[in-house]
C-alpha atoms as a PDB file:
ATOM      1  CA  MET A   1     100.968  93.283  63.512  1.00  0.00           C
ATOM      2  CA  LYS A   2      97.572  95.376  64.778  1.00  0.00           C
ATOM      3  CA  LYS A   3      98.131  96.745  68.013  1.00  0.00           C
ATOM      4  CA  PRO A   4      95.950  96.205  70.583  1.00  0.00           C
ATOM      5  CA  THR A   5      93.349  98.640  71.869  1.00  0.00           C
ATOM      6  CA  PRO A   6      93.444  99.538  75.769  1.00  0.00           C
ATOM      7  CA  GLN A   7      90.127  99.246  77.742  1.00  0.00           C
ATOM      8  CA  VAL A   8      89.265 101.061  80.935  1.00  0.00           C
ATOM      9  CA  GLY A   9      91.202  99.761  83.961  1.00  0.00           C
ATOM     10  CA  ASP A  10      94.061  98.836  81.567  1.00  0.00           C
ATOM     11  CA  VAL A  11      97.664  99.420  83.188  1.00  0.00           C
ATOM     12  CA  VAL A  12      99.892 100.613  80.436  1.00  0.00           C
ATOM     13  CA  LEU A  13     103.449 101.619  79.829  1.00  0.00           C
ATOM     14  CA  ALA A  14     103.611 104.693  78.227  1.00  0.00           C
ATOM     15  CA  SER A  15     106.337 107.361  77.381  1.00  0.00           C
ATOM     16  CA  SER A  16     106.326 111.017  78.673  1.00  0.00           C
ATOM     17  CA  PHE A  17     107.727 113.980  77.098  1.00  0.00           C
ATOM     18  CA  CYS A  18     110.409 114.388  79.357  1.00  0.00           C
ATOM     19  CA  SER A  19     112.097 111.028  78.637  1.00  0.00           C
ATOM     20  CA  CYS A  20     110.552 108.758  81.294  1.00  0.00           C
ATOM     21  CA  GLU A  21     108.582 105.618  80.483  1.00  0.00           C
ATOM     22  CA  ILE A  22     106.047 105.377  83.329  1.00  0.00           C
ATOM     23  CA  HIS A  23     102.703 102.786  84.275  1.00  0.00           C
ATOM     24  CA  ALA A  24      99.553 104.472  84.055  1.00  0.00           C
ATOM     25  CA  LYS A  25      95.972 102.985  84.810  1.00  0.00           C
ATOM     26  CA  LEU A  26      93.322 103.978  82.702  1.00  0.00           C
ATOM     27  CA  LYS A  27      90.607 105.747  84.238  1.00  0.00           C
ATOM     28  CA  ARG A  28      88.113 107.365  80.630  1.00  0.00           C
ATOM     29  CA  GLU A  29      88.631 107.677  77.456  1.00  0.00           C
ATOM     30  CA  GLU A  30      88.614 111.047  75.497  1.00  0.00           C
ATOM     31  CA  VAL A  31      88.929 111.774  71.889  1.00  0.00           C
ATOM     32  CA  ASP A  32      93.019 111.788  71.161  1.00  0.00           C
ATOM     33  CA  GLY A  33      93.994 109.564  74.356  1.00  0.00           C
ATOM     34  CA  TRP A  34      92.954 108.726  78.106  1.00  0.00           C
ATOM     35  CA  TRP A  35      93.105 109.890  81.618  1.00  0.00           C
ATOM     36  CA  ALA A  36      95.083 107.833  83.626  1.00  0.00           C
ATOM     37  CA  CYS A  37      96.454 107.814  87.065  1.00  0.00           C
ATOM     38  CA  ILE A  38     100.400 106.514  87.631  1.00  0.00           C
ATOM     39  CA  THR A  39     100.782 103.360  89.686  1.00  0.00           C
ATOM     40  CA  ARG A  40     104.313 103.635  90.558  1.00  0.00           C
ATOM     41  CA  LYS A  41     106.174 105.893  93.223  1.00  0.00           C
ATOM     42  CA  GLN A  42     109.456 105.187  90.981  1.00  0.00           C
ATOM     43  CA  ASP A  43     107.552 106.998  88.356  1.00  0.00           C
ATOM     44  CA  ILE A  44     106.550 110.076  89.895  1.00  0.00           C
ATOM     45  CA  LYS A  45     110.064 110.528  91.360  1.00  0.00           C
ATOM     46  CA  CYS A  46     110.843 110.212  87.718  1.00  0.00           C
ATOM     47  CA  LEU A  47     108.864 112.981  86.332  1.00  0.00           C
ATOM     48  CA  ASN A  48     109.440 115.072  89.472  1.00  0.00           C
ATOM     49  CA  LYS A  49     113.137 114.949  89.037  1.00  0.00           C
ATOM     50  CA  MET A  50     112.623 116.048  85.737  1.00  0.00           C
ATOM     51  CA  GLY A  51     110.179 119.221  86.580  1.00  0.00           C
ATOM     52  CA  VAL A  52     106.875 118.013  86.279  1.00  0.00           C
ATOM     53  CA  PRO A  53     104.855 118.834  89.754  1.00  0.00           C
ATOM     54  CA  LEU A  54     102.831 115.343  90.302  1.00  0.00           C
ATOM     55  CA  SER A  55     102.022 113.084  93.274  1.00  0.00           C
ATOM     56  CA  LEU A  56     100.545 109.776  93.138  1.00  0.00           C
ATOM     57  CA  GLY A  57      96.962 109.402  92.762  1.00  0.00           C
ATOM     58  CA  GLU A  58      96.970 112.446  90.598  1.00  0.00           C
ATOM     59  CA  GLU A  59      95.377 112.214  87.136  1.00  0.00           C
ATOM     60  CA  THR A  60      96.864 112.638  83.888  1.00  0.00           C
ATOM     61  CA  PHE A  61      96.574 112.598  80.407  1.00  0.00           C
ATOM     62  CA  VAL A  62      98.273 109.787  77.780  1.00  0.00           C
ATOM     63  CA  PHE A  63      97.953 110.144  74.272  1.00  0.00           C
ATOM     64  CA  ASP A  64      97.135 107.303  72.444  1.00  0.00           C
ATOM     65  CA  PHE A  65     100.302 107.465  70.265  1.00  0.00           C
ATOM     66  CA  ALA A  66     102.492 107.329  73.772  1.00  0.00           C
ATOM     67  CA  ILE A  67     100.773 103.968  74.867  1.00  0.00           C
ATOM     68  CA  ILE A  68     103.878 101.248  73.940  1.00  0.00           C
ATOM     69  CA  LYS A  69     102.010  97.968  75.172  1.00  0.00           C
ATOM     70  CA  ILE A  70      99.514  97.077  77.792  1.00  0.00           C
ATOM     71  CA  ILE A  71     100.738  95.432  81.074  1.00  0.00           C
ATOM     72  CA  LYS A  72      97.867  93.959  82.796  1.00  0.00           C
ATOM     73  CA  LYS A  73      94.824  93.765  81.657  1.00  0.00           C
ATOM     74  CA  LYS A  74      91.650  94.524  83.456  1.00  0.00           C
ATOM     75  CA  PRO A  75      90.228  91.285  85.319  1.00  0.00           C
ATOM     76  CA  ASN A  76      87.017  90.122  83.347  1.00  0.00           C
ATOM     77  CA  TYR A  77      84.760  88.587  86.805  1.00  0.00           C
ATOM     78  CA  ARG A  78      81.602  87.231  84.595  1.00  0.00           C
ATOM     79  CA  ARG A  79      80.286  84.330  87.000  1.00  0.00           C
ATOM     80  CA  LYS A  80      79.852  81.217  84.620  1.00  0.00           C
ATOM     81  CA  ARG A  81      76.573  79.691  84.860  1.00  0.00           C
ATOM     82  CA  ARG A  82      76.018  75.930  85.905  1.00  0.00           C
ATOM     83  CA  ALA A  83      74.635  73.773  83.613  1.00  0.00           C
ATOM     84  CA  LYS A  84      71.570  72.270  84.919  1.00  0.00           C
ATOM     85  CA  ASN A  85      71.186  68.208  85.863  1.00  0.00           C
ATOM     86  CA  ASP A  86      68.153  66.534  83.843  1.00  0.00           C
END
């Protein structure tokens, strides 16, 4: 089964090196991963407990191999065209 590729704006579940699973919103893509912001306070508390000095809203790097699954896809707000009535 092929793993779905995340896109900018998606919220993903990712594992960290300090054995915490975090929810992160992807901001921009790099060669080996993504720059992302952690979205939940309980994830920040878990990381702080393990000795990682992060606060809510700071950017962190998420490697491609650390992404477990995509939780929420970025919404697509394309406007649908109306058909002309002849």
